[in-house]
């Protein structure tokens, strides 16, 4: 009696669609414009290190090593502020690179206050927590802001747009 041999399927055997063809060796690898990285972390102090490491690794994998100093600094500031305003909650980080601009966004669960004075106080706290971020973004010629999250759970979305040209010049050497 013979036992049929089993062979693991190769990557060429799998495709998004049965009619799709996968050409061996046709994948050029990650390019900068393919950078799309998202990460969920707990709202804890140590989550910033995880997020900074993930952003650094993603930038390296996509050939954007020269953006690392600015991106890692901004990521740390975004996560620190979100953690301070929503401790113990869930934080979500998104990193995208399109049209020579690195976009970093953090979502936290801190919802807007209904009372105008509470809302103004909370906004002032968030701006104060992001003082260093504001300086880094200005040095890179970028933009930043925050507002209500459009995610189903609500909360706050804080975003940064760093142009490649400016971010490359951050901490030269």
Protein backbone atom coordinates (compact mmCIF):
# COMPACT_ATOMS: atom_id res chain seq x y z
CA UNK A 1 0.00 0.00 0.00
CA UNK A 2 1.46 3.37 -0.90
CA UNK A 3 0.81 6.54 1.01
CA UNK A 4 0.33 9.60 -1.16
CA UNK A 5 2.92 12.25 -0.51
CA UNK A 6 1.81 15.63 0.75
CA UNK A 7 3.46 18.79 -0.42
CA UNK A 8 2.82 22.19 1.08
CA UNK A 9 1.44 24.61 -1.47
CA UNK A 10 3.76 27.31 -2.68
CA UNK A 11 3.03 31.02 -2.58
CA UNK A 12 2.33 30.82 -6.31
CA UNK A 13 -0.66 28.58 -5.53
CA UNK A 14 -2.43 31.36 -3.65
CA UNK A 15 -3.87 34.50 -5.16
CA UNK A 16 -6.52 37.08 -4.33
CA UNK A 17 -8.72 35.65 -7.05
CA UNK A 18 -8.67 32.22 -8.68
CA UNK A 19 -8.16 33.94 -12.03
CA UNK A 20 -5.30 36.12 -10.80
CA UNK A 21 -1.79 35.14 -11.81
CA UNK A 22 1.14 35.49 -9.47
CA UNK A 23 4.43 35.89 -11.26
CA UNK A 24 7.40 34.57 -9.31
CA UNK A 25 9.99 37.25 -8.68
CA UNK A 26 7.71 40.06 -9.86
CA UNK A 27 7.31 41.62 -6.41
CA UNK A 28 9.76 44.55 -6.18
CA UNK A 29 9.28 44.78 -2.40
CA UNK A 30 7.88 47.62 -0.35
CA UNK A 31 8.11 51.10 -1.79
CA UNK A 32 7.59 54.35 0.13
CA UNK A 33 4.12 54.95 -1.33
CA UNK A 34 3.02 51.52 -0.11
CA UNK A 35 3.53 52.42 3.55
CA UNK A 36 0.27 51.77 5.38
CA UNK A 37 0.76 50.65 8.96
CA UNK A 38 -1.79 50.56 11.77
CA UNK A 39 -1.36 49.47 15.35
CA UNK A 40 -3.58 49.26 18.39
CA UNK A 41 -1.96 49.59 21.83
CA UNK A 42 -3.26 49.94 25.36
CA UNK A 43 -3.35 53.42 26.87
CA UNK A 44 -0.32 52.80 29.06
CA UNK A 45 2.98 54.65 29.48
CA UNK A 46 5.02 51.84 27.92
CA UNK A 47 2.91 51.77 24.73
CA UNK A 48 4.84 54.70 23.31
CA UNK A 49 7.98 52.57 23.00
CA UNK A 50 6.07 49.89 21.10
CA UNK A 51 4.59 52.48 18.74
CA UNK A 52 7.94 54.23 18.16
CA UNK A 53 9.62 50.90 17.37
CA UNK A 54 6.81 49.92 14.99
CA UNK A 55 7.01 53.23 13.11
CA UNK A 56 10.80 52.98 12.87
CA UNK A 57 10.59 49.42 11.52
CA UNK A 58 7.87 50.33 9.00
CA UNK A 59 9.83 53.33 7.72
CA UNK A 60 13.00 51.23 7.42
CA UNK A 61 11.16 48.49 5.52
CA UNK A 62 9.86 51.05 3.02
CA UNK A 63 13.18 52.81 2.46
CA UNK A 64 12.25 55.91 4.46
CA UNK A 65 15.07 55.72 7.03
CA UNK A 66 15.84 59.44 6.79
CA UNK A 67 12.38 60.25 8.19
CA UNK A 68 12.90 58.14 11.32
CA UNK A 69 14.15 60.84 13.76
CA UNK A 70 11.21 63.17 13.15
CA UNK A 71 8.64 60.37 12.88
CA UNK A 72 9.76 58.62 16.06
CA UNK A 73 9.71 61.90 18.01
CA UNK A 74 6.23 62.76 16.74
CA UNK A 75 4.93 59.24 17.40
CA UNK A 76 6.16 59.37 20.99
CA UNK A 77 4.55 62.75 21.58
CA UNK A 78 1.24 61.67 20.06
CA UNK A 79 1.09 58.52 22.18
CA UNK A 80 2.16 60.29 25.37
CA UNK A 81 -0.54 62.93 25.03
CA UNK A 82 -3.21 60.36 24.20
CA UNK A 83 -2.20 58.23 27.17
CA UNK A 84 -2.31 61.21 29.55
CA UNK A 85 -5.78 62.19 28.36
CA UNK A 86 -7.22 58.67 28.18
CA UNK A 87 -5.22 56.49 30.62
CA UNK A 88 -6.11 52.83 30.52
CA UNK A 89 -8.07 53.20 27.28
CA UNK A 90 -7.24 51.86 23.86
CA UNK A 91 -5.04 53.86 21.48
CA UNK A 92 -4.81 53.36 17.74
CA UNK A 93 -1.90 54.56 15.60
CA UNK A 94 -1.96 54.89 11.83
CA UNK A 95 1.07 55.70 9.65
CA UNK A 96 0.68 56.43 5.93
CA UNK A 97 3.03 57.83 3.31
CA UNK A 98 1.54 59.41 0.20
CA UNK A 99 2.63 62.22 -2.11
CA UNK A 100 5.92 62.72 -0.21
CA UNK A 101 4.09 63.32 3.09
CA UNK A 102 4.19 61.07 6.15
CA UNK A 103 0.86 61.13 7.97
CA UNK A 104 0.71 59.91 11.56
CA UNK A 105 -2.64 59.73 13.32
CA UNK A 106 -3.55 58.62 16.84
CA UNK A 107 -7.08 57.90 17.97
CA UNK A 108 -7.93 57.88 21.67
CA UNK A 109 -11.20 57.35 23.50
CA UNK A 110 -11.37 60.79 25.15
CA UNK A 111 -14.66 62.25 23.94
CA UNK A 112 -15.43 65.93 23.55
CA UNK A 113 -17.14 67.58 26.50
CA UNK A 114 -20.61 69.00 26.09
CA UNK A 115 -20.03 71.97 28.37
CA UNK A 116 -18.10 74.77 26.58
CA UNK A 117 -15.81 75.58 29.53
CA UNK A 118 -14.92 71.93 30.07
CA UNK A 119 -14.29 71.53 26.35
CA UNK A 120 -12.01 74.61 26.31
CA UNK A 121 -10.11 73.37 29.36
CA UNK A 122 -9.64 69.93 27.82
CA UNK A 123 -8.47 71.44 24.52
CA UNK A 124 -5.95 73.58 26.42
CA UNK A 125 -4.67 70.45 28.22
CA UNK A 126 -4.23 68.62 24.91
CA UNK A 127 -2.42 71.58 23.33
CA UNK A 128 -0.13 71.85 26.37
CA UNK A 129 0.62 68.11 26.21
CA UNK A 130 1.60 68.54 22.55
CA UNK A 131 4.01 71.49 22.94
CA UNK A 132 7.08 69.54 21.83
CA UNK A 133 5.16 67.98 18.95
CA UNK A 134 4.21 71.47 17.79
CA UNK A 135 7.91 72.46 17.68
CA UNK A 136 8.96 69.34 15.75
CA UNK A 137 6.16 69.76 13.22
CA UNK A 138 7.03 73.44 12.73
CA UNK A 139 10.73 72.56 12.21
CA UNK A 140 9.70 70.04 9.56
CA UNK A 141 7.33 72.45 7.81
CA UNK A 142 4.36 70.21 8.54
CA UNK A 143 0.88 70.54 9.94
CA UNK A 144 -0.98 69.04 12.88
CA UNK A 145 -4.35 69.18 14.53
CA UNK A 146 -6.98 67.31 16.49
CA UNK A 147 -10.72 66.95 16.58
CA UNK A 148 -13.54 64.51 17.03
CA UNK A 149 -12.81 61.02 15.81
CA UNK A 150 -14.95 59.73 13.00
CA UNK A 151 -14.48 56.19 14.30
CA UNK A 152 -17.57 54.36 15.59
CA UNK A 153 -16.44 54.53 19.23
CA UNK A 154 -15.93 58.28 19.15
CA UNK A 155 -13.06 59.93 20.95
CA UNK A 156 -10.36 62.21 19.60
CA UNK A 157 -8.23 62.01 16.48
CA UNK A 158 -4.85 63.78 16.59
CA UNK A 159 -2.93 63.93 13.34
CA UNK A 160 0.40 65.11 11.94
CA UNK A 161 1.49 65.59 8.33
CA UNK A 162 5.28 65.71 7.86
CA UNK A 163 6.54 66.57 4.37
CA UNK A 164 9.51 64.43 3.34
CA UNK A 165 11.70 67.46 2.58
CA UNK A 166 11.26 68.94 6.05
CA UNK A 167 11.39 65.66 7.96
CA UNK A 168 14.67 64.69 6.26
CA UNK A 169 16.22 67.92 7.54
CA UNK A 170 15.14 67.29 11.13
CA UNK A 171 18.19 66.43 13.29
CA UNK A 172 20.62 66.29 10.34
CA UNK A 173 23.80 64.31 10.62
